N, C-alpha and C. Protein backbone atom coordinates (compact mmCIF):
# COMPACT_ATOMS: atom_id res chain seq x y z
N MET A 1 -71.84 -79.94 39.74
CA MET A 1 -70.89 -80.52 38.95
C MET A 1 -71.12 -82.34 38.80
N PHE A 2 -70.83 -82.82 37.46
CA PHE A 2 -70.73 -84.04 37.41
C PHE A 2 -69.53 -84.75 37.93
N ALA A 3 -69.67 -85.93 38.24
CA ALA A 3 -68.10 -86.63 38.64
C ALA A 3 -67.95 -87.40 37.38
N VAL A 4 -68.31 -87.34 36.33
CA VAL A 4 -68.01 -88.40 35.16
C VAL A 4 -67.16 -87.04 34.21
N THR A 5 -66.03 -87.89 33.58
CA THR A 5 -65.44 -87.06 32.80
C THR A 5 -66.19 -87.26 31.23
N GLY A 6 -65.38 -86.69 30.35
CA GLY A 6 -65.68 -86.94 28.92
C GLY A 6 -65.55 -88.29 28.35
N ASP A 7 -64.65 -89.03 28.85
CA ASP A 7 -64.36 -90.49 28.32
C ASP A 7 -65.19 -91.35 29.08
N GLY A 8 -66.04 -91.08 29.93
CA GLY A 8 -66.70 -91.93 30.93
C GLY A 8 -66.22 -92.19 32.33
N SER A 9 -64.85 -92.02 32.49
CA SER A 9 -64.40 -92.31 33.50
C SER A 9 -64.77 -91.50 34.91
N SER A 10 -64.63 -91.68 35.74
CA SER A 10 -65.18 -90.97 37.26
C SER A 10 -64.17 -90.02 37.45
N HIS A 11 -64.59 -89.12 38.04
CA HIS A 11 -63.81 -87.84 38.33
C HIS A 11 -64.16 -87.55 40.03
N GLN A 12 -63.20 -87.35 40.57
CA GLN A 12 -63.47 -86.71 41.98
C GLN A 12 -63.45 -85.01 41.73
N TYR A 13 -64.54 -84.53 42.05
CA TYR A 13 -64.61 -82.84 41.76
C TYR A 13 -64.45 -82.45 43.27
N SER A 14 -63.24 -81.50 43.42
CA SER A 14 -63.11 -80.85 44.51
C SER A 14 -63.43 -79.47 44.51
N ARG A 15 -64.21 -78.84 45.57
CA ARG A 15 -64.80 -77.95 45.68
C ARG A 15 -63.33 -76.32 46.31
N SER A 16 -62.02 -77.48 47.00
CA SER A 16 -61.24 -76.79 47.47
C SER A 16 -60.32 -75.88 46.60
N GLY A 17 -60.29 -76.63 45.17
CA GLY A 17 -59.46 -76.03 44.07
C GLY A 17 -60.35 -74.83 43.77
N ARG A 18 -59.96 -73.50 43.98
CA ARG A 18 -60.47 -72.52 43.63
C ARG A 18 -59.93 -72.02 42.06
N PRO A 19 -61.04 -71.59 41.23
CA PRO A 19 -60.46 -70.71 39.95
C PRO A 19 -59.52 -69.56 40.06
N ASP A 20 -58.59 -69.35 38.95
CA ASP A 20 -57.90 -68.25 39.15
C ASP A 20 -58.54 -67.26 38.50
N CYS A 21 -59.89 -66.95 38.71
CA CYS A 21 -60.49 -65.78 38.18
C CYS A 21 -61.78 -65.49 39.20
N VAL A 22 -62.09 -64.19 38.95
CA VAL A 22 -63.27 -63.78 39.49
C VAL A 22 -64.38 -63.48 38.94
N ALA A 23 -65.61 -63.98 39.31
CA ALA A 23 -66.77 -63.83 38.24
C ALA A 23 -68.14 -62.99 39.17
N ILE A 24 -68.46 -61.98 38.52
CA ILE A 24 -69.42 -61.28 39.04
C ILE A 24 -70.64 -61.37 38.74
N PHE A 25 -71.58 -61.86 39.41
CA PHE A 25 -73.27 -62.38 39.00
C PHE A 25 -74.15 -61.28 39.46
N LEU A 26 -74.87 -60.59 38.59
CA LEU A 26 -75.72 -59.76 39.05
C LEU A 26 -77.39 -60.10 38.53
N HIS A 27 -78.36 -60.12 39.97
CA HIS A 27 -79.44 -60.74 39.69
C HIS A 27 -80.29 -59.38 40.10
N GLN A 28 -81.52 -59.39 39.59
CA GLN A 28 -82.23 -58.32 39.48
C GLN A 28 -83.42 -58.92 40.40
N ILE A 29 -83.44 -58.14 42.00
CA ILE A 29 -84.46 -58.84 42.98
C ILE A 29 -85.70 -58.15 42.77
N GLU A 30 -86.13 -56.99 42.36
CA GLU A 30 -87.13 -56.21 42.09
C GLU A 30 -86.67 -55.01 41.22
N THR A 31 -87.61 -54.38 40.65
CA THR A 31 -87.44 -53.25 40.03
C THR A 31 -86.41 -51.95 40.46
N GLY A 32 -85.36 -51.92 39.86
CA GLY A 32 -84.12 -51.03 40.30
C GLY A 32 -83.14 -51.41 41.53
N LEU A 33 -83.27 -52.89 41.77
CA LEU A 33 -82.35 -53.10 42.72
C LEU A 33 -81.71 -54.55 42.17
N ILE A 34 -80.50 -54.63 42.27
CA ILE A 34 -79.66 -55.58 41.62
C ILE A 34 -78.92 -55.92 43.11
N ARG A 35 -79.00 -57.58 43.05
CA ARG A 35 -78.12 -58.13 43.90
C ARG A 35 -76.88 -58.84 43.44
N ILE A 36 -75.65 -58.71 44.17
CA ILE A 36 -74.43 -58.97 43.34
C ILE A 36 -74.12 -60.36 43.98
N HIS A 37 -73.28 -61.17 43.48
CA HIS A 37 -72.75 -62.54 43.97
C HIS A 37 -71.56 -62.50 43.06
N VAL A 38 -70.29 -62.51 43.96
CA VAL A 38 -68.88 -62.54 43.79
C VAL A 38 -68.61 -64.06 43.88
N ASN A 39 -67.84 -64.67 43.06
CA ASN A 39 -67.46 -65.83 43.05
C ASN A 39 -66.09 -65.81 42.45
N GLY A 40 -64.82 -66.60 43.23
CA GLY A 40 -63.74 -66.67 42.68
C GLY A 40 -62.60 -66.45 43.55
N ASP A 41 -61.34 -66.47 43.23
CA ASP A 41 -60.14 -66.67 43.83
C ASP A 41 -59.92 -65.42 44.91
N TRP A 42 -60.02 -65.33 45.97
CA TRP A 42 -59.46 -64.26 47.02
C TRP A 42 -57.99 -63.88 47.01
N THR A 43 -57.68 -62.73 47.03
CA THR A 43 -56.45 -62.67 47.17
C THR A 43 -55.97 -62.37 48.87
N LYS A 44 -54.59 -62.82 48.77
CA LYS A 44 -54.18 -62.55 50.18
C LYS A 44 -54.67 -61.42 50.96
N CYS A 45 -55.04 -60.34 50.06
CA CYS A 45 -55.40 -58.90 50.80
C CYS A 45 -56.71 -58.80 51.44
N GLY A 46 -57.53 -59.89 51.06
CA GLY A 46 -58.84 -59.91 51.24
C GLY A 46 -59.95 -59.90 49.98
N LEU A 47 -61.33 -59.60 50.52
CA LEU A 47 -62.05 -59.17 49.57
C LEU A 47 -62.04 -58.10 48.78
N PRO A 48 -62.28 -58.14 47.45
CA PRO A 48 -62.09 -56.77 46.84
C PRO A 48 -63.26 -55.80 46.92
N GLY A 49 -63.28 -54.74 46.92
CA GLY A 49 -64.55 -53.79 47.00
C GLY A 49 -64.64 -52.84 45.80
N PRO A 50 -65.53 -52.02 46.02
CA PRO A 50 -66.52 -51.93 46.84
C PRO A 50 -67.91 -52.75 46.80
N LEU A 51 -67.98 -53.62 45.72
CA LEU A 51 -68.84 -54.49 45.73
C LEU A 51 -68.40 -55.60 46.34
N VAL A 52 -69.31 -56.18 47.30
CA VAL A 52 -68.88 -57.25 48.18
C VAL A 52 -70.03 -58.50 47.82
N ASP A 53 -69.77 -59.88 48.32
CA ASP A 53 -70.65 -61.09 47.69
C ASP A 53 -72.03 -60.65 48.67
N GLU A 54 -73.04 -60.95 48.05
CA GLU A 54 -74.51 -60.73 48.49
C GLU A 54 -74.88 -59.17 48.71
N CYS A 55 -74.14 -58.07 48.27
CA CYS A 55 -74.66 -56.89 48.75
C CYS A 55 -75.97 -56.55 47.56
N VAL A 56 -76.75 -55.60 47.85
CA VAL A 56 -77.84 -55.13 47.26
C VAL A 56 -77.60 -53.53 46.50
N VAL A 57 -77.80 -53.07 45.58
CA VAL A 57 -77.42 -51.69 45.18
C VAL A 57 -78.64 -51.51 44.07
N SER A 58 -78.60 -50.25 43.79
CA SER A 58 -79.68 -49.68 42.79
C SER A 58 -78.98 -49.90 41.62
N GLU A 59 -79.91 -49.78 40.54
CA GLU A 59 -79.40 -49.71 39.10
C GLU A 59 -78.66 -48.48 38.69
N SER A 60 -79.08 -47.29 39.28
CA SER A 60 -78.10 -46.18 39.28
C SER A 60 -76.52 -45.92 39.54
N VAL A 61 -76.15 -46.67 40.76
CA VAL A 61 -75.01 -46.70 41.24
C VAL A 61 -74.25 -47.81 40.54
N LEU A 62 -74.70 -48.76 39.86
CA LEU A 62 -74.45 -49.88 39.95
C LEU A 62 -72.97 -49.99 38.94
N PRO A 63 -73.21 -49.02 37.57
CA PRO A 63 -71.62 -49.11 36.91
C PRO A 63 -70.96 -48.43 37.33
N SER A 64 -70.63 -47.53 38.31
CA SER A 64 -69.60 -46.91 38.90
C SER A 64 -68.85 -47.72 39.85
N LEU A 65 -69.89 -48.60 40.77
CA LEU A 65 -68.97 -49.49 41.63
C LEU A 65 -68.90 -50.96 40.85
N LEU A 66 -69.16 -51.46 39.97
CA LEU A 66 -69.04 -52.45 39.39
C LEU A 66 -67.15 -52.10 38.55
N ARG A 67 -67.15 -50.76 37.94
CA ARG A 67 -65.93 -50.66 37.51
C ARG A 67 -64.95 -50.31 38.63
N LEU A 68 -65.36 -49.79 39.49
CA LEU A 68 -64.21 -49.49 40.97
C LEU A 68 -64.03 -51.07 41.42
N THR A 69 -64.61 -52.05 41.30
CA THR A 69 -64.72 -53.46 41.98
C THR A 69 -63.53 -54.13 41.03
N VAL A 70 -64.07 -53.84 39.60
CA VAL A 70 -63.14 -54.56 38.85
C VAL A 70 -61.58 -53.89 38.69
N ILE A 71 -61.36 -52.55 38.78
CA ILE A 71 -60.31 -52.32 38.84
C ILE A 71 -59.27 -52.70 40.14
N SER A 72 -60.33 -53.03 41.17
CA SER A 72 -59.69 -52.95 42.45
C SER A 72 -59.21 -54.73 42.23
N ILE A 73 -59.82 -55.42 41.61
CA ILE A 73 -59.44 -56.78 41.49
C ILE A 73 -58.24 -57.05 40.69
N ALA A 74 -58.12 -55.99 39.72
CA ALA A 74 -57.06 -55.93 38.66
C ALA A 74 -55.69 -55.76 39.44
N ARG A 75 -56.05 -54.77 40.24
CA ARG A 75 -54.58 -54.26 41.08
C ARG A 75 -54.14 -55.17 41.84
N ARG A 76 -55.27 -55.68 42.41
CA ARG A 76 -54.89 -56.98 43.47
C ARG A 76 -54.26 -58.22 42.97
N LYS A 77 -54.52 -58.49 41.43
CA LYS A 77 -53.71 -59.60 40.95
C LYS A 77 -52.33 -59.12 40.61
N THR A 78 -52.44 -57.73 39.88
CA THR A 78 -50.85 -57.34 39.69
C THR A 78 -49.89 -57.25 40.82
N VAL A 79 -50.40 -56.77 42.04
CA VAL A 79 -49.83 -56.78 43.26
C VAL A 79 -49.09 -58.10 43.67
N GLU A 80 -50.28 -59.12 43.49
CA GLU A 80 -49.49 -60.56 43.87
C GLU A 80 -48.82 -61.01 43.11
N LEU A 81 -48.28 -60.65 41.79
CA LEU A 81 -47.27 -61.14 40.90
C LEU A 81 -45.96 -61.28 41.43
N GLU A 82 -45.13 -62.45 41.27
CA GLU A 82 -44.18 -62.82 42.23
C GLU A 82 -42.82 -61.85 42.02
N ASN A 83 -42.85 -61.14 40.76
CA ASN A 83 -41.43 -60.26 40.41
C ASN A 83 -41.87 -58.95 40.13
N TYR A 84 -43.42 -58.62 40.48
CA TYR A 84 -43.61 -57.14 40.06
C TYR A 84 -43.42 -56.09 41.27
N GLN A 85 -42.68 -55.18 40.75
CA GLN A 85 -42.48 -54.06 41.54
C GLN A 85 -43.31 -52.85 41.09
N MET A 86 -43.83 -52.37 42.39
CA MET A 86 -44.72 -51.24 41.94
C MET A 86 -43.89 -49.82 41.27
N ILE A 87 -44.65 -48.92 40.70
CA ILE A 87 -43.95 -48.14 39.80
C ILE A 87 -43.18 -46.99 41.23
N TYR A 88 -43.73 -46.70 42.25
CA TYR A 88 -43.20 -45.76 43.13
C TYR A 88 -41.60 -46.59 43.51
N SER A 89 -41.66 -47.87 43.69
CA SER A 89 -40.42 -48.75 44.03
C SER A 89 -39.54 -48.84 42.93
N ARG A 90 -39.97 -48.80 42.04
CA ARG A 90 -39.23 -48.67 40.68
C ARG A 90 -38.40 -47.43 40.39
N ARG A 91 -39.18 -46.32 40.70
CA ARG A 91 -38.88 -44.96 40.58
C ARG A 91 -37.37 -44.65 41.52
N ARG A 92 -38.04 -45.09 42.98
CA ARG A 92 -37.03 -44.70 43.84
C ARG A 92 -35.40 -45.40 43.99
N MET A 93 -35.56 -46.76 43.34
CA MET A 93 -34.46 -47.33 43.07
C MET A 93 -33.86 -46.69 41.77
N ALA A 94 -34.41 -46.24 40.95
CA ALA A 94 -33.80 -45.23 39.67
C ALA A 94 -33.10 -44.15 40.03
N ILE A 95 -33.87 -43.79 41.07
CA ILE A 95 -33.03 -42.52 41.83
C ILE A 95 -31.78 -42.73 42.54
N GLN A 96 -32.04 -43.75 43.57
CA GLN A 96 -31.13 -44.53 44.11
C GLN A 96 -29.53 -44.82 43.26
N ASP A 97 -29.95 -45.13 42.22
CA ASP A 97 -28.88 -45.79 41.13
C ASP A 97 -28.19 -44.52 40.70
N PHE A 98 -29.16 -43.56 40.18
CA PHE A 98 -28.54 -42.09 39.88
C PHE A 98 -27.55 -41.54 40.75
N ALA A 99 -27.96 -41.40 42.01
CA ALA A 99 -27.24 -40.82 42.90
C ALA A 99 -26.08 -41.53 43.30
N ARG A 100 -26.08 -42.84 43.24
CA ARG A 100 -24.81 -43.55 43.43
C ARG A 100 -23.77 -43.32 42.28
N LYS A 101 -24.33 -43.07 41.40
CA LYS A 101 -23.63 -43.03 39.81
C LYS A 101 -22.91 -41.87 39.95
N TYR A 102 -23.67 -40.65 40.18
CA TYR A 102 -23.07 -39.53 40.06
C TYR A 102 -22.51 -38.72 41.26
N ALA A 103 -22.58 -39.16 42.32
CA ALA A 103 -22.21 -38.67 44.02
C ALA A 103 -20.83 -38.27 44.07
N ILE A 104 -20.62 -37.01 44.30
CA ILE A 104 -19.23 -36.67 44.60
C ILE A 104 -19.17 -36.41 46.16
N THR A 105 -17.80 -37.53 46.54
CA THR A 105 -17.58 -37.55 47.88
C THR A 105 -16.81 -36.21 48.16
N GLN A 106 -17.57 -35.29 49.10
CA GLN A 106 -17.09 -34.20 49.54
C GLN A 106 -17.93 -33.60 50.75
N THR A 107 -17.49 -32.94 51.63
CA THR A 107 -18.14 -32.35 52.76
C THR A 107 -19.24 -31.15 52.32
N TYR A 108 -20.06 -30.86 53.23
CA TYR A 108 -21.03 -29.98 53.05
C TYR A 108 -20.31 -28.37 52.72
N THR A 109 -19.20 -28.09 53.73
CA THR A 109 -18.49 -26.89 53.34
C THR A 109 -17.65 -26.75 52.37
N ASP A 110 -17.11 -27.76 51.77
CA ASP A 110 -16.67 -27.92 50.58
C ASP A 110 -17.56 -27.84 49.43
N PHE A 111 -18.95 -28.49 49.63
CA PHE A 111 -19.77 -27.99 48.61
C PHE A 111 -20.15 -26.74 48.58
N ILE A 112 -20.31 -25.98 50.05
CA ILE A 112 -20.49 -24.53 49.51
C ILE A 112 -19.73 -23.78 49.06
N GLU A 113 -18.40 -23.92 49.51
CA GLU A 113 -17.19 -23.18 48.95
C GLU A 113 -17.08 -23.32 47.41
N ARG A 114 -17.22 -24.58 46.86
CA ARG A 114 -17.73 -24.75 45.61
C ARG A 114 -18.28 -24.37 44.84
N LEU A 115 -19.53 -24.02 45.31
CA LEU A 115 -20.60 -23.15 44.97
C LEU A 115 -20.62 -21.64 44.89
N ILE A 116 -20.08 -21.27 46.02
CA ILE A 116 -19.70 -19.69 45.99
C ILE A 116 -18.73 -19.21 45.42
N THR A 117 -17.33 -19.89 45.42
CA THR A 117 -16.28 -19.22 44.78
C THR A 117 -16.51 -19.59 43.23
N PRO A 118 -15.97 -18.21 42.52
CA PRO A 118 -16.50 -18.16 40.97
C PRO A 118 -15.24 -19.25 40.01
């Protein structure tokens, strides 16, 4: 990176500021083998997988591993959103609200008597 901006003034480039994206670079090292370089902002969960930085894979398995890695990155970004609730927690809260709304306060014996008697 150059330390000069578009208007000619100097600019201090900081490597500590990481981008808010992940770039996956593929380099063919020999016929049938691809080296993976992953560059970007890592989540608090760690590195996404199954493709990690500097791994070497064959061309035959690359499409499926690349797909799984992109899905993993997308899921991690979604989970890190501030107000995001996982679907299972939303479902659990909806069931609890439903139970609170339609609950009848009675004992188990009263429930059985009410169920058996016509």
